[in-house]
Amino acid sequence: MCSALRTSPLPTACSPPAQRRFHTREFHSPGDLASLPQSVLINCTGYGARQLWSDESIVPVRSQIAWLTPQPEINYGIYFGDLIVLGRREGIVVQPSPGGENFGWNDDNEEPDFAAAEQGVRDVAAIYRRPPRP
């Protein structure tokens, strides 16, 4: 079962905010999509697509992301040790990746890990507390 597919009458990027409508529905097979009246579907199923589309090539990758308040002047990313920080329009992404980019590969655990997210934020703070190099 997949319950994360979103439907919209227009692609989100092309429609004004007042015209955007999102609906959450459960789909048990691709044929269920035929019942939708919308002409555009935005597939946000993530790992649920593996079951919905019977696609065993989709592999789960567990990670823990913390979101910080948006700051328009932060338009860059930092890869430092086991930490990824990306400035985005909707906020600043902080993602600890202990052990490197393959962390969480084939791990389907969906439980939030607040301690890992908080540690990531503390690690970012520590980077910015360092004195600048001469």
Protein backbone atom coordinates (compact mmCIF):
# COMPACT_ATOMS: atom_id res chain seq x y z
CA MET A 1 0.00 0.00 0.00
CA CYS A 2 1.20 3.50 -0.76
CA SER A 3 -0.32 6.59 0.80
CA ALA A 4 2.11 9.30 -0.22
CA LEU A 5 1.17 9.94 -3.83
CA ARG A 6 0.09 13.55 -4.25
CA THR A 7 -2.25 14.81 -6.92
CA SER A 8 -2.54 18.33 -8.26
CA PRO A 9 -4.44 19.90 -11.17
CA LEU A 10 -1.20 21.64 -12.24
CA PRO A 11 2.46 21.02 -11.53
CA THR A 12 3.31 22.78 -8.28
CA ALA A 13 6.09 24.87 -9.79
CA CYS A 14 3.74 26.21 -12.48
CA SER A 15 0.73 27.13 -10.39
CA PRO A 16 0.19 30.01 -7.98
CA PRO A 17 -0.03 28.94 -4.30
CA ALA A 18 -3.78 29.70 -4.14
CA GLN A 19 -4.44 27.15 -6.93
CA ARG A 20 -2.42 24.30 -5.43
CA ARG A 21 -4.42 21.48 -3.95
CA PHE A 22 -2.86 18.37 -2.48
CA HIS A 23 -4.71 15.21 -1.59
CA THR A 24 -3.36 12.17 0.19
CA ARG A 25 -4.82 8.86 -0.95
CA GLU A 26 -3.98 5.21 -0.57
CA PHE A 27 -3.10 3.21 -3.65
CA HIS A 28 -2.75 -0.55 -3.63
CA SER A 29 -1.87 -1.00 -7.31
CA PRO A 30 -0.98 1.18 -10.30
CA GLY A 31 -4.51 0.59 -11.64
CA ASP A 32 -5.87 2.64 -8.72
CA LEU A 33 -4.37 5.73 -10.35
CA ALA A 34 -6.89 5.49 -13.21
CA SER A 35 -9.66 6.61 -10.83
CA LEU A 36 -8.07 10.04 -10.38
CA PRO A 37 -9.61 12.99 -12.23
CA GLN A 38 -6.36 15.00 -12.22
CA SER A 39 -4.32 15.18 -15.41
CA VAL A 40 -1.03 15.62 -13.53
CA LEU A 41 0.27 13.40 -10.73
CA ILE A 42 3.28 14.22 -8.60
CA ASN A 43 4.74 10.94 -7.43
CA CYS A 44 6.03 11.35 -3.87
CA THR A 45 5.88 7.71 -2.92
CA GLY A 46 9.56 7.38 -2.07
CA TYR A 47 10.33 3.88 -0.85
CA GLY A 48 6.60 3.04 -1.12
CA ALA A 49 7.10 2.95 -4.91
CA ARG A 50 8.90 -0.39 -4.47
CA GLN A 51 5.66 -2.05 -3.38
CA LEU A 52 3.26 0.03 -5.52
CA TRP A 53 5.11 -0.61 -8.78
CA SER A 54 6.59 -4.03 -7.80
CA ASP A 55 10.03 -2.58 -8.47
CA GLU A 56 12.63 -4.48 -6.46
CA SER A 57 15.38 -2.25 -7.88
CA ILE A 58 14.29 0.51 -5.45
CA VAL A 59 16.56 0.28 -2.42
CA PRO A 60 15.84 2.05 0.87
CA VAL A 61 18.42 4.49 2.16
CA ARG A 62 17.98 5.62 5.74
CA SER A 63 19.12 9.04 6.76
CA GLN A 64 18.20 11.56 9.37
CA ILE A 65 17.62 15.13 8.24
CA ALA A 66 17.16 18.17 10.43
CA TRP A 67 15.68 21.34 8.93
CA LEU A 68 16.78 24.77 10.11
CA THR A 69 14.94 28.03 9.49
CA PRO A 70 15.30 29.33 5.92
CA GLN A 71 18.02 31.94 5.45
CA PRO A 72 18.00 33.35 1.89
CA GLU A 73 21.66 34.42 2.15
CA ILE A 74 22.73 30.78 2.64
CA ASN A 75 23.02 29.63 -0.95
CA TYR A 76 25.80 27.07 -0.62
CA GLY A 77 26.46 23.61 0.70
CA ILE A 78 29.05 22.17 3.07
CA TYR A 79 30.40 18.64 3.04
CA PHE A 80 32.55 18.33 6.16
CA GLY A 81 33.58 14.96 7.53
CA ASP A 82 30.39 12.97 8.03
CA LEU A 83 28.09 15.97 7.75
CA ILE A 84 26.16 17.47 4.84
CA VAL A 85 24.63 20.97 5.08
CA LEU A 86 22.66 22.45 2.18
CA GLY A 87 21.02 25.85 1.96
CA ARG A 88 17.65 25.50 0.23
CA ARG A 89 14.76 27.86 -0.36
CA GLU A 90 12.57 26.02 2.16
CA GLY A 91 15.25 25.74 4.86
CA ILE A 92 18.73 24.57 5.66
CA VAL A 93 19.18 20.80 5.48
CA VAL A 94 21.49 19.21 8.06
CA GLN A 95 22.22 15.55 7.40
CA PRO A 96 24.70 13.51 9.41
CA SER A 97 26.16 10.64 7.39
CA PRO A 98 28.41 8.68 9.74
CA GLY A 99 30.69 6.49 7.71
CA GLY A 100 30.18 8.43 4.48
CA GLU A 101 27.74 8.51 1.60
CA ASN A 102 26.79 4.84 1.87
CA PHE A 103 25.39 5.30 5.38
CA GLY A 104 21.89 3.84 5.61
CA TRP A 105 22.08 1.89 2.34
CA ASN A 106 19.44 -0.87 2.30
CA ASP A 107 18.09 0.14 5.74
CA ASP A 108 14.28 0.40 5.66
CA ASN A 109 13.90 1.64 9.24
CA GLU A 110 11.54 4.65 9.08
CA GLU A 111 11.61 5.57 12.78
CA PRO A 112 12.84 9.13 13.38
CA ASP A 113 16.17 9.41 15.18
CA PHE A 114 15.93 12.76 16.96
CA ALA A 115 19.25 12.24 18.72
CA ALA A 116 21.04 11.90 15.36
CA ALA A 117 19.32 15.02 14.01
CA GLU A 118 20.21 17.02 17.12
CA GLN A 119 23.81 15.82 16.94
CA GLY A 120 23.99 16.99 13.34
CA VAL A 121 22.85 20.47 14.38
CA ARG A 122 25.42 20.50 17.21
CA ASP A 123 28.11 19.49 14.70
CA VAL A 124 27.18 22.40 12.41
CA ALA A 125 27.34 24.79 15.36
CA ALA A 126 30.80 23.46 16.24
CA ILE A 127 32.03 24.07 12.69
CA TYR A 128 30.94 27.70 12.85
CA ARG A 129 32.41 28.21 16.34
CA ARG A 130 35.89 27.37 15.08
CA PRO A 131 38.16 30.37 14.75
CA PRO A 132 38.92 31.34 11.15
CA ARG A 133 42.24 30.26 9.72
CA PRO A 134 44.81 33.05 9.39
